[in-house]
Amino acid sequence: MKRVFKFKQGDILFNEGDASEAMYIVETGTIAITKSKEGTKTTLTELKEGDLFGEMAFFDNSTRSAGAVVVSPTASVVELPFASLKQQYEDMPFWIKTIITSTNRHLRSANGRIQELEEVIKNLKGY
């Protein structure tokens, strides 16, 4: 059964570093994906109807790499619990799982490298 959650502007779906148990599809409204740095939140992207978010943690069992907050007056999202998806994922051919996990690993690595480069730029500006 599909579970749909309704939110209003400013509602936080999850924070960076939170444990993760589900991914989501935006049904209506706009969700901002945010990163916190030195007490300031930066919007990485805004997601709209049909966009998927929160999926990275499914493939590597990690915490949330970013936060999600509603920026439209209202929004609704479809929850896809990890527990319900695990068997479907396990039934996929090995090569498809390899592509997915490899892509996810590369994306996490790129995100980490971007953060490192931001620190270098910040330090250079201090000179």
Protein backbone atom coordinates (compact mmCIF):
# COMPACT_ATOMS: atom_id res chain seq x y z
CA MET A 1 0.00 0.00 0.00
CA LYS A 2 1.28 3.43 -0.96
CA ARG A 3 1.79 5.83 1.96
CA VAL A 4 1.50 9.51 1.14
CA PHE A 5 2.56 12.18 3.61
CA LYS A 6 1.38 15.79 3.43
CA PHE A 7 3.53 18.72 4.55
CA LYS A 8 3.48 22.49 4.70
CA GLN A 9 6.14 25.05 3.88
CA GLY A 10 9.11 24.86 6.24
CA ASP A 11 8.44 21.29 7.36
CA ILE A 12 11.64 19.25 7.57
CA LEU A 13 11.39 15.74 6.15
CA PHE A 14 14.84 14.80 7.46
CA ASN A 15 18.14 16.39 8.44
CA GLU A 16 21.66 15.72 7.26
CA GLY A 17 23.10 12.95 9.44
CA ASP A 18 19.73 11.39 10.33
CA ALA A 19 19.28 7.64 10.18
CA SER A 20 17.45 6.57 7.03
CA GLU A 21 14.69 4.05 6.55
CA ALA A 22 12.93 5.23 3.39
CA MET A 23 13.26 7.06 0.10
CA TYR A 24 10.58 9.34 -1.30
CA ILE A 25 8.93 10.50 -4.51
CA VAL A 26 7.61 14.05 -4.72
CA GLU A 27 3.91 13.81 -5.55
CA THR A 28 3.13 17.55 -5.32
CA GLY A 29 4.99 20.66 -4.28
CA THR A 30 8.69 21.45 -4.06
CA ILE A 31 11.31 19.93 -1.75
CA ALA A 32 14.72 21.55 -1.25
CA ILE A 33 17.73 19.31 -0.66
CA THR A 34 20.06 21.16 1.70
CA LYS A 35 23.54 20.92 3.16
CA SER A 36 24.61 22.58 6.40
CA LYS A 37 27.95 24.29 6.68
CA GLU A 38 29.05 26.39 9.63
CA GLY A 39 25.47 26.93 10.74
CA THR A 40 24.26 27.99 7.28
CA LYS A 41 22.01 25.84 5.11
CA THR A 42 22.66 25.84 1.39
CA THR A 43 20.12 24.55 -1.11
CA LEU A 44 21.75 22.03 -3.43
CA THR A 45 18.68 21.52 -5.60
CA GLU A 46 14.91 21.79 -5.59
CA LEU A 47 12.85 18.73 -6.47
CA LYS A 48 9.40 18.71 -8.02
CA GLU A 49 6.69 16.23 -8.97
CA GLY A 50 8.10 12.84 -9.93
CA ASP A 51 11.57 13.41 -8.46
CA LEU A 52 13.08 10.77 -6.17
CA PHE A 53 15.13 11.64 -3.09
CA GLY A 54 16.64 9.92 -0.08
CA GLU A 55 17.73 6.94 -2.18
CA MET A 56 21.50 7.03 -1.62
CA ALA A 57 21.26 5.59 1.89
CA PHE A 58 19.37 2.55 0.59
CA PHE A 59 22.41 1.35 -1.32
CA ASP A 60 25.09 1.89 1.31
CA ASN A 61 23.18 1.87 4.63
CA SER A 62 24.56 5.27 5.59
CA THR A 63 23.01 8.27 7.26
CA ARG A 64 21.42 11.11 5.32
CA SER A 65 24.05 13.02 3.33
CA ALA A 66 21.77 16.06 3.08
CA GLY A 67 18.54 17.42 4.51
CA ALA A 68 15.12 17.81 2.89
CA VAL A 69 12.71 20.67 3.58
CA VAL A 70 9.43 21.77 1.99
CA VAL A 71 9.74 25.10 0.18
CA SER A 72 6.34 25.28 -1.55
CA PRO A 73 3.20 26.25 0.41
CA THR A 74 2.28 22.54 0.61
CA ALA A 75 3.75 19.26 -0.58
CA SER A 76 2.99 15.58 -0.57
CA VAL A 77 5.48 12.75 -0.88
CA VAL A 78 5.15 9.02 -1.41
CA GLU A 79 7.20 6.99 1.06
CA LEU A 80 9.11 3.94 -0.17
CA PRO A 81 10.31 2.11 2.97
CA PHE A 82 13.69 0.42 2.58
CA ALA A 83 12.37 -2.73 4.24
CA SER A 84 9.75 -3.13 1.47
CA LEU A 85 12.32 -2.56 -1.29
CA LYS A 86 15.08 -4.87 -0.06
CA GLN A 87 13.67 -8.10 -1.53
CA GLN A 88 13.02 -6.48 -4.91
CA TYR A 89 16.59 -5.19 -4.93
CA GLU A 90 18.01 -8.60 -3.95
CA ASP A 91 16.11 -10.21 -6.84
CA MET A 92 17.82 -7.95 -9.40
CA PRO A 93 20.59 -9.39 -11.56
CA PHE A 94 24.07 -8.98 -10.10
CA TRP A 95 25.24 -6.65 -12.88
CA ILE A 96 22.38 -4.19 -12.29
CA LYS A 97 23.11 -4.10 -8.56
CA THR A 98 26.78 -3.52 -9.38
CA ILE A 99 25.94 -0.55 -11.62
CA ILE A 100 23.68 0.97 -8.99
CA THR A 101 26.04 0.53 -6.04
CA SER A 102 29.04 1.71 -8.06
CA THR A 103 27.20 4.83 -9.22
CA ASN A 104 26.08 5.54 -5.68
CA ARG A 105 29.65 5.11 -4.36
CA HIS A 106 31.01 7.48 -7.03
CA LEU A 107 28.36 10.07 -6.17
CA ARG A 108 29.17 9.92 -2.46
CA SER A 109 32.87 10.23 -3.27
CA ALA A 110 32.23 13.23 -5.53
CA ASN A 111 30.16 14.88 -2.80
CA GLY A 112 33.04 14.40 -0.35
CA ARG A 113 35.55 15.81 -2.82
CA ILE A 114 33.36 18.87 -3.41
CA GLN A 115 33.32 19.51 0.35
CA GLU A 116 37.13 19.21 0.46
CA LEU A 117 37.50 21.66 -2.42
CA GLU A 118 35.14 24.11 -0.73
CA GLU A 119 37.44 24.05 2.31
CA VAL A 120 40.50 24.70 0.15
CA ILE A 121 38.77 27.66 -1.53
CA LYS A 122 37.64 29.02 1.83
CA ASN A 123 41.20 28.79 3.18
CA LEU A 124 42.65 30.46 0.08
CA LYS A 125 40.23 33.36 0.43
CA GLY A 126 41.55 33.88 3.95
CA TYR A 127 45.02 34.82 2.65
